[in-house]
N, C-alpha and C. Protein backbone atom coordinates (compact mmCIF):
# COMPACT_ATOMS: atom_id res chain seq x y z
N MET A 1 0.83 -1.23 0.02
CA MET A 1 -0.05 0.02 0.06
C MET A 1 0.94 1.11 -0.06
N LYS A 2 1.86 1.25 0.83
CA LYS A 2 2.80 2.41 0.97
C LYS A 2 3.44 2.62 -0.42
N SER A 3 3.77 1.66 -1.17
CA SER A 3 4.53 1.87 -2.40
C SER A 3 3.60 2.43 -3.47
N ARG A 4 2.35 1.96 -3.48
CA ARG A 4 1.42 2.58 -4.26
C ARG A 4 1.13 4.15 -4.06
N LEU A 5 1.28 4.34 -2.68
CA LEU A 5 0.99 5.81 -2.26
C LEU A 5 2.15 6.65 -2.79
N ALA A 6 3.49 6.11 -2.55
CA ALA A 6 4.69 6.73 -3.04
C ALA A 6 4.62 6.96 -4.54
N ARG A 7 4.26 5.93 -5.41
CA ARG A 7 4.19 6.02 -6.91
C ARG A 7 3.20 7.19 -7.13
N ALA A 8 2.08 7.03 -6.41
CA ALA A 8 1.04 8.00 -6.88
C ALA A 8 1.35 9.32 -6.48
N SER A 9 1.98 9.53 -5.43
CA SER A 9 2.36 10.91 -5.07
C SER A 9 3.44 11.58 -5.93
N ILE A 10 4.34 10.72 -6.36
CA ILE A 10 5.44 11.12 -7.19
C ILE A 10 4.87 11.41 -8.64
N GLY A 11 3.80 10.64 -9.00
CA GLY A 11 3.15 10.81 -10.34
C GLY A 11 2.40 12.16 -10.25
N PHE A 12 1.64 12.38 -9.15
CA PHE A 12 0.90 13.59 -8.82
C PHE A 12 1.95 14.88 -9.21
N PHE A 13 3.04 14.71 -8.42
CA PHE A 13 4.02 15.78 -8.37
C PHE A 13 4.57 16.08 -9.67
N LEU A 14 4.90 15.06 -10.59
CA LEU A 14 5.20 15.28 -11.92
C LEU A 14 4.12 15.89 -12.78
N LEU A 15 2.84 15.40 -12.56
CA LEU A 15 1.66 15.97 -13.25
C LEU A 15 1.37 17.39 -13.02
N CYS A 16 1.60 17.80 -11.65
CA CYS A 16 1.59 19.15 -11.32
C CYS A 16 2.69 19.97 -12.00
N LEU A 17 3.93 19.65 -12.08
CA LEU A 17 4.92 20.23 -12.83
C LEU A 17 4.58 20.41 -14.15
N SER A 18 4.12 19.39 -14.78
CA SER A 18 3.88 19.35 -16.29
C SER A 18 2.65 20.26 -16.49
N THR A 19 1.61 20.24 -15.73
CA THR A 19 0.47 21.10 -15.87
C THR A 19 0.90 22.66 -15.79
N ALA A 20 1.78 22.93 -14.86
CA ALA A 20 2.15 24.39 -14.76
C ALA A 20 2.93 24.82 -16.05
N LEU A 21 3.68 23.78 -16.50
CA LEU A 21 4.30 24.20 -17.73
C LEU A 21 3.39 24.40 -18.98
N PHE A 22 2.57 23.50 -19.02
CA PHE A 22 1.58 23.59 -20.33
C PHE A 22 0.60 24.71 -20.13
N ALA A 23 0.39 25.27 -18.73
CA ALA A 23 -0.45 26.22 -18.55
C ALA A 23 0.15 27.72 -18.94
N GLY A 24 1.36 27.58 -19.49
CA GLY A 24 2.05 28.79 -19.83
C GLY A 24 2.79 29.46 -18.72
N ALA A 25 3.59 28.84 -17.96
CA ALA A 25 4.38 29.35 -16.95
C ALA A 25 5.42 30.29 -17.65
N PRO A 26 5.60 31.60 -17.45
CA PRO A 26 6.50 32.34 -18.09
C PRO A 26 8.00 31.95 -17.74
N PRO A 27 8.92 32.08 -18.57
CA PRO A 27 10.43 31.86 -18.37
C PRO A 27 10.86 32.37 -16.88
N ALA A 28 10.44 33.53 -16.47
CA ALA A 28 10.84 33.91 -15.33
C ALA A 28 10.49 33.10 -14.18
N ALA A 29 9.23 32.48 -14.33
CA ALA A 29 8.88 31.42 -13.21
C ALA A 29 9.45 30.20 -13.22
N ILE A 30 10.30 29.88 -14.11
CA ILE A 30 10.90 28.68 -14.07
C ILE A 30 12.11 28.69 -13.13
N THR A 31 11.73 28.81 -12.00
CA THR A 31 12.72 28.62 -10.79
C THR A 31 12.21 27.80 -9.82
N ALA A 32 12.73 27.26 -8.95
CA ALA A 32 12.11 26.39 -7.84
C ALA A 32 11.14 27.14 -7.02
N GLY A 33 10.11 26.43 -6.47
CA GLY A 33 9.06 27.14 -6.00
C GLY A 33 9.58 27.78 -4.53
N ASN A 34 10.77 27.40 -4.01
CA ASN A 34 11.31 28.02 -2.80
C ASN A 34 12.24 29.05 -3.24
N GLY A 35 12.35 29.68 -4.51
CA GLY A 35 13.04 30.67 -4.91
C GLY A 35 14.37 30.38 -5.42
N LEU A 36 14.86 29.04 -5.42
CA LEU A 36 16.06 28.68 -5.94
C LEU A 36 16.15 28.65 -7.44
N SER A 37 17.35 29.25 -7.87
CA SER A 37 17.68 29.17 -9.52
C SER A 37 17.97 27.86 -9.70
N ARG A 38 18.08 27.54 -11.01
CA ARG A 38 18.63 26.06 -11.43
C ARG A 38 19.87 25.93 -10.82
N ASP A 39 20.78 26.81 -10.80
CA ASP A 39 22.17 26.52 -10.33
C ASP A 39 22.03 26.08 -8.83
N SER A 40 21.26 27.01 -8.11
CA SER A 40 21.14 26.73 -6.54
C SER A 40 20.54 25.34 -6.35
N TYR A 41 19.55 24.85 -7.13
CA TYR A 41 18.79 23.72 -6.99
C TYR A 41 19.88 22.58 -7.26
N TYR A 42 20.71 22.62 -8.42
CA TYR A 42 21.76 21.59 -8.65
C TYR A 42 22.78 21.56 -7.54
N ASN A 43 23.24 22.77 -7.05
CA ASN A 43 24.12 22.79 -5.93
C ASN A 43 23.48 22.15 -4.62
N ASN A 44 22.28 22.51 -4.42
CA ASN A 44 21.53 22.02 -3.13
C ASN A 44 21.44 20.62 -3.17
N ILE A 45 20.96 19.95 -4.38
CA ILE A 45 20.83 18.44 -4.33
C ILE A 45 22.19 17.76 -4.50
N SER A 46 23.24 18.44 -4.96
CA SER A 46 24.48 17.87 -4.88
C SER A 46 25.07 17.73 -3.34
N SER A 47 24.87 18.85 -2.55
CA SER A 47 25.20 18.89 -1.28
C SER A 47 24.36 17.86 -0.39
N VAL A 48 23.03 17.91 -0.57
CA VAL A 48 22.22 17.06 0.06
C VAL A 48 22.38 15.61 -0.07
N PHE A 49 22.50 15.24 -1.36
CA PHE A 49 22.53 13.81 -1.70
C PHE A 49 23.98 13.26 -1.93
N GLY A 50 24.97 14.32 -2.08
CA GLY A 50 26.23 13.83 -2.30
C GLY A 50 26.61 13.44 -3.64
N PHE A 51 25.95 14.04 -4.61
CA PHE A 51 26.20 13.85 -6.09
C PHE A 51 27.60 14.40 -6.38
N SER A 52 28.27 13.78 -7.40
CA SER A 52 29.63 14.48 -7.77
C SER A 52 29.33 15.44 -8.74
N LYS A 53 30.17 16.32 -8.79
CA LYS A 53 30.36 17.57 -9.79
C LYS A 53 30.23 16.96 -11.13
N ALA A 54 31.01 15.88 -11.54
CA ALA A 54 31.07 15.28 -12.82
C ALA A 54 29.62 14.80 -13.20
N ASP A 55 28.90 14.10 -12.25
CA ASP A 55 27.66 13.76 -12.55
C ASP A 55 26.53 14.85 -12.74
N ILE A 56 26.81 15.85 -11.84
CA ILE A 56 25.76 17.09 -12.05
C ILE A 56 26.02 17.74 -13.24
N THR A 57 27.17 17.96 -13.73
CA THR A 57 27.41 18.43 -15.08
C THR A 57 26.99 17.52 -16.15
N ALA A 58 27.11 16.14 -16.13
CA ALA A 58 26.53 15.38 -17.13
C ALA A 58 25.02 15.38 -17.24
N ILE A 59 24.43 15.49 -15.98
CA ILE A 59 22.96 15.59 -16.04
C ILE A 59 22.40 16.80 -16.60
N ARG A 60 23.08 17.81 -16.10
CA ARG A 60 22.72 19.05 -16.80
C ARG A 60 22.77 19.32 -18.24
N LYS A 61 23.80 18.58 -18.79
CA LYS A 61 23.88 18.65 -20.32
C LYS A 61 22.89 17.72 -21.10
N SER A 62 22.34 16.71 -20.31
CA SER A 62 21.56 15.70 -20.81
C SER A 62 20.24 16.26 -21.39
N GLY A 63 19.70 17.35 -20.81
CA GLY A 63 18.51 17.98 -21.26
C GLY A 63 17.41 17.52 -20.62
N PHE A 64 17.42 16.57 -19.61
CA PHE A 64 16.28 16.25 -18.64
C PHE A 64 15.84 17.38 -17.81
N SER A 65 14.66 17.30 -17.31
CA SER A 65 14.02 18.25 -16.27
C SER A 65 14.75 17.96 -15.05
N PRO A 66 14.78 19.00 -14.08
CA PRO A 66 15.31 18.82 -12.84
C PRO A 66 14.77 17.70 -11.96
N ASP A 67 13.43 17.38 -12.05
CA ASP A 67 12.96 16.31 -11.37
C ASP A 67 13.27 14.99 -11.85
N TYR A 68 13.40 14.87 -13.24
CA TYR A 68 13.90 13.51 -13.91
C TYR A 68 15.51 13.46 -13.51
N SER A 69 16.14 14.40 -13.70
CA SER A 69 17.49 14.42 -13.31
C SER A 69 17.93 14.02 -11.78
N LEU A 70 17.09 14.30 -10.83
CA LEU A 70 17.24 13.95 -9.58
C LEU A 70 17.03 12.45 -9.44
N VAL A 71 16.04 11.69 -10.03
CA VAL A 71 15.90 10.38 -10.13
C VAL A 71 16.97 9.74 -10.83
N LEU A 72 17.43 10.16 -11.88
CA LEU A 72 18.62 9.55 -12.69
C LEU A 72 19.86 9.53 -11.68
N LEU A 73 20.09 10.86 -11.08
CA LEU A 73 21.30 10.83 -10.27
C LEU A 73 21.24 9.99 -9.03
N ALA A 74 20.10 9.77 -8.47
CA ALA A 74 19.87 8.89 -7.39
C ALA A 74 19.92 7.35 -7.50
N ILE A 75 19.53 7.01 -8.75
CA ILE A 75 19.71 5.63 -9.10
C ILE A 75 21.16 5.38 -9.34
N ALA A 76 21.80 6.25 -10.22
CA ALA A 76 23.19 6.06 -10.49
C ALA A 76 23.98 5.87 -9.31
N LYS A 77 23.70 6.87 -8.35
CA LYS A 77 24.61 6.87 -7.13
C LYS A 77 24.44 5.47 -6.29
N LYS A 78 23.04 5.18 -6.24
CA LYS A 78 22.83 3.89 -5.52
C LYS A 78 23.55 2.64 -6.25
N ALA A 79 23.43 2.74 -7.52
CA ALA A 79 23.98 1.77 -8.45
C ALA A 79 25.57 1.55 -8.22
N GLY A 80 25.93 2.74 -8.09
CA GLY A 80 27.64 2.98 -8.04
C GLY A 80 28.13 3.00 -9.42
N VAL A 81 27.37 3.61 -10.34
CA VAL A 81 27.90 3.84 -11.80
C VAL A 81 27.59 5.29 -12.15
N PRO A 82 28.34 5.80 -13.11
CA PRO A 82 28.32 7.16 -13.60
C PRO A 82 26.89 7.40 -14.23
N VAL A 83 26.47 8.59 -13.90
CA VAL A 83 25.00 8.99 -14.30
C VAL A 83 24.77 8.71 -15.82
N ASP A 84 25.96 8.88 -16.78
CA ASP A 84 25.71 8.60 -18.13
C ASP A 84 25.18 7.31 -18.41
N LYS A 85 25.52 6.34 -17.62
CA LYS A 85 25.00 5.11 -17.78
C LYS A 85 23.45 5.03 -17.78
N MET A 86 22.85 5.66 -16.68
CA MET A 86 21.51 5.82 -16.38
C MET A 86 20.66 6.56 -17.65
N ILE A 87 21.46 7.63 -18.03
CA ILE A 87 20.96 8.45 -18.96
C ILE A 87 20.79 7.57 -20.27
N SER A 88 21.82 6.76 -20.68
CA SER A 88 21.54 5.95 -21.62
C SER A 88 20.54 4.76 -21.65
N LEU A 89 20.45 4.20 -20.42
CA LEU A 89 19.37 3.20 -20.19
C LEU A 89 17.85 4.04 -20.32
N ARG A 90 17.74 5.09 -19.94
CA ARG A 90 16.52 5.82 -20.00
C ARG A 90 16.30 6.40 -21.42
N SER A 91 17.28 7.04 -22.04
CA SER A 91 16.92 7.69 -23.35
C SER A 91 17.20 6.75 -24.58
N GLU A 92 18.06 5.84 -24.42
CA GLU A 92 18.40 5.02 -25.62
C GLU A 92 17.61 3.65 -25.61
N ASN A 93 17.41 3.07 -24.39
CA ASN A 93 16.82 1.99 -24.34
C ASN A 93 15.38 1.98 -23.66
N GLY A 94 15.04 2.94 -23.25
CA GLY A 94 13.57 3.33 -22.73
C GLY A 94 13.19 2.56 -21.37
N TYR A 95 14.27 2.31 -20.67
CA TYR A 95 14.12 1.67 -19.38
C TYR A 95 13.10 2.58 -18.36
N SER A 96 12.18 2.15 -17.74
CA SER A 96 11.54 2.84 -16.71
C SER A 96 12.52 2.93 -15.47
N TRP A 97 12.07 3.85 -14.48
CA TRP A 97 12.81 3.95 -13.26
C TRP A 97 12.95 2.56 -12.60
N LYS A 98 11.80 1.89 -12.57
CA LYS A 98 11.84 0.63 -11.96
C LYS A 98 12.65 -0.38 -12.73
N ASP A 99 12.71 -0.30 -13.99
CA ASP A 99 13.61 -1.19 -14.80
C ASP A 99 15.10 -0.98 -14.41
N MET A 100 15.44 0.26 -14.35
CA MET A 100 16.84 0.63 -13.90
C MET A 100 17.13 -0.04 -12.52
N CYS A 101 16.24 0.27 -11.64
CA CYS A 101 16.42 -0.15 -10.15
C CYS A 101 16.65 -1.75 -10.26
N ASP A 102 15.75 -2.37 -10.83
CA ASP A 102 15.73 -3.80 -10.94
C ASP A 102 17.10 -4.40 -11.60
N GLU A 103 17.61 -3.67 -12.56
CA GLU A 103 18.84 -3.94 -13.20
C GLU A 103 20.10 -3.94 -12.32
N TYR A 104 19.89 -3.15 -11.29
CA TYR A 104 21.07 -3.03 -10.50
C TYR A 104 20.77 -3.50 -8.87
N GLY A 105 19.52 -4.19 -8.78
CA GLY A 105 19.29 -4.73 -7.47
C GLY A 105 18.77 -3.49 -6.44
N ILE A 106 18.27 -2.50 -6.89
CA ILE A 106 17.91 -1.27 -5.97
C ILE A 106 16.38 -1.50 -5.76
N ASP A 107 15.91 -1.39 -4.52
CA ASP A 107 14.54 -1.22 -4.10
C ASP A 107 14.10 -0.08 -4.55
N TYR A 108 13.20 -0.04 -5.71
CA TYR A 108 12.68 1.09 -6.39
C TYR A 108 11.80 1.88 -5.35
N TYR A 109 10.89 1.12 -4.75
CA TYR A 109 10.00 1.74 -3.68
C TYR A 109 10.75 2.54 -2.59
N ALA A 110 11.74 1.91 -2.13
CA ALA A 110 12.50 2.64 -0.94
C ALA A 110 13.28 3.91 -1.41
N LEU A 111 13.93 3.61 -2.62
CA LEU A 111 14.60 4.79 -3.23
C LEU A 111 13.61 5.92 -3.47
N MET A 112 12.45 5.81 -3.91
CA MET A 112 11.54 6.88 -4.31
C MET A 112 10.97 7.42 -3.03
N ASP A 113 10.72 6.50 -2.05
CA ASP A 113 10.27 7.15 -0.70
C ASP A 113 11.26 7.89 -0.08
N GLY A 114 12.51 7.42 -0.24
CA GLY A 114 13.72 8.10 0.42
C GLY A 114 13.79 9.44 -0.30
N LEU A 115 13.90 9.53 -1.69
CA LEU A 115 13.89 10.86 -2.37
C LEU A 115 12.83 11.80 -1.99
N GLU A 116 11.53 11.39 -1.81
CA GLU A 116 10.47 12.24 -1.43
C GLU A 116 10.62 12.70 -0.11
N LYS A 117 10.91 11.93 0.80
CA LYS A 117 11.15 12.21 2.24
C LYS A 117 12.20 13.35 2.23
N THR A 118 13.39 13.13 1.64
CA THR A 118 14.46 14.06 1.77
C THR A 118 13.97 15.47 1.06
N LEU A 119 13.38 15.42 0.16
CA LEU A 119 12.73 16.73 -0.50
C LEU A 119 11.88 17.30 0.35
N ILE A 120 11.08 16.66 1.07
CA ILE A 120 9.98 17.28 1.97
C ILE A 120 10.88 17.84 3.16
N ASP A 121 11.72 17.02 3.74
CA ASP A 121 12.53 17.39 4.88
C ASP A 121 13.33 18.51 4.69
N LYS A 122 13.91 18.64 3.38
CA LYS A 122 14.87 19.76 3.14
C LYS A 122 14.25 20.98 2.59
N ASN A 123 12.93 20.88 2.37
CA ASN A 123 12.20 21.83 1.44
C ASN A 123 12.71 22.03 0.14
N ILE A 124 13.13 21.04 -0.57
CA ILE A 124 13.66 21.26 -1.93
C ILE A 124 12.48 21.07 -2.95
N ILE A 125 12.31 22.03 -3.64
CA ILE A 125 11.32 21.94 -4.88
C ILE A 125 11.93 22.24 -6.19
N PRO A 126 11.99 21.17 -6.99
CA PRO A 126 12.72 21.41 -8.30
C PRO A 126 12.11 22.49 -9.13
N PRO A 127 12.83 23.13 -9.96
CA PRO A 127 12.40 24.19 -10.83
C PRO A 127 11.45 23.53 -11.79
N LEU A 128 10.53 24.22 -12.43
CA LEU A 128 9.60 23.58 -13.45
C LEU A 128 10.45 23.39 -14.64
N ALA A 129 10.03 22.33 -15.50
CA ALA A 129 10.62 22.06 -16.62
C ALA A 129 10.44 23.07 -17.80
N THR A 130 11.37 23.20 -18.59
CA THR A 130 11.27 24.03 -19.76
C THR A 130 10.49 23.03 -20.64
N ALA A 131 10.08 23.76 -21.91
CA ALA A 131 9.41 23.11 -23.00
C ALA A 131 10.37 21.97 -23.58
N GLY A 132 11.71 22.34 -23.74
CA GLY A 132 12.71 21.43 -24.27
C GLY A 132 12.90 20.33 -23.27
N GLU A 133 12.98 20.52 -21.94
CA GLU A 133 13.12 19.36 -21.02
C GLU A 133 11.84 18.49 -21.00
N SER A 134 10.70 19.13 -21.13
CA SER A 134 9.35 18.30 -21.03
C SER A 134 9.45 17.49 -22.30
N LYS A 135 9.81 17.78 -23.52
CA LYS A 135 10.05 17.17 -24.62
C LYS A 135 11.02 15.90 -24.47
N ARG A 136 12.09 16.26 -23.82
CA ARG A 136 13.25 15.36 -23.67
C ARG A 136 12.69 14.15 -22.63
N ASN A 137 12.00 14.61 -21.66
CA ASN A 137 11.36 13.63 -20.79
C ASN A 137 10.45 12.72 -21.33
N ALA A 138 9.53 13.32 -22.16
CA ALA A 138 8.43 12.50 -22.94
C ALA A 138 9.13 11.55 -23.84
N ALA A 139 10.16 11.96 -24.63
CA ALA A 139 10.81 11.08 -25.51
C ALA A 139 11.41 9.90 -24.88
N SER A 140 11.90 10.08 -23.51
CA SER A 140 12.41 9.01 -22.96
C SER A 140 11.48 7.98 -22.11
N ASN A 141 10.20 8.29 -22.20
CA ASN A 141 9.10 7.63 -21.66
C ASN A 141 8.67 6.44 -22.49
N ARG A 142 9.07 6.45 -23.76
CA ARG A 142 8.66 5.35 -24.64
C ARG A 142 9.20 4.12 -23.96
N ARG A 143 8.38 3.15 -24.18
CA ARG A 143 8.69 1.80 -23.43
C ARG A 143 9.17 0.80 -24.50
N HIS A 144 10.29 0.35 -24.22
CA HIS A 144 10.88 -0.82 -25.12
C HIS A 144 10.78 -2.02 -24.13
N LYS A 145 11.04 -3.14 -24.81
CA LYS A 145 11.40 -4.35 -24.09
C LYS A 145 12.64 -4.17 -23.29
N LYS A 146 12.56 -4.43 -22.01
CA LYS A 146 13.65 -4.32 -21.19
C LYS A 146 14.94 -4.99 -21.88
N GLY A 147 16.02 -4.09 -21.95
CA GLY A 147 17.21 -4.58 -22.67
C GLY A 147 17.44 -4.39 -24.06
N ALA A 148 16.27 -3.92 -24.70
CA ALA A 148 16.38 -3.78 -26.13
C ALA A 148 17.37 -2.82 -26.66
N GLY A 149 18.08 -3.06 -27.57
CA GLY A 149 19.17 -2.25 -28.10
C GLY A 149 20.47 -2.32 -27.37
N GLN A 150 20.54 -3.26 -26.66
CA GLN A 150 21.81 -3.34 -25.94
C GLN A 150 22.84 -4.47 -26.48
């Protein structure tokens, strides 16, 4: 039951972010709800979660939204692999978050619950996705048979 609630709450969070974007949020509004700029957001999550500067740089160049970036970074860190590997699994192979976790023996539900709890406890609100980031996210959501293209 808890895992369904976590999934539903993360889904709702992502839906709210995309709704705000499609409702026409002006570029000036594309900062974190708590007033953080994109740079501050990435510095903040790097500090809180212990992500490397190299992984932060790679994820920012990937074109994913801040909320997708956080999940990719968290899975990569837990798996002990560079975030580039997770970017590839997501964008080239269409792996879902759960597929990626399963691939590396990570408890998906515990990971997502932990991310959500930390975001709430630390009052971290990701900046809204830009139109380009939303397209990048959507393109990575295509489902392939797990492992296709490897």
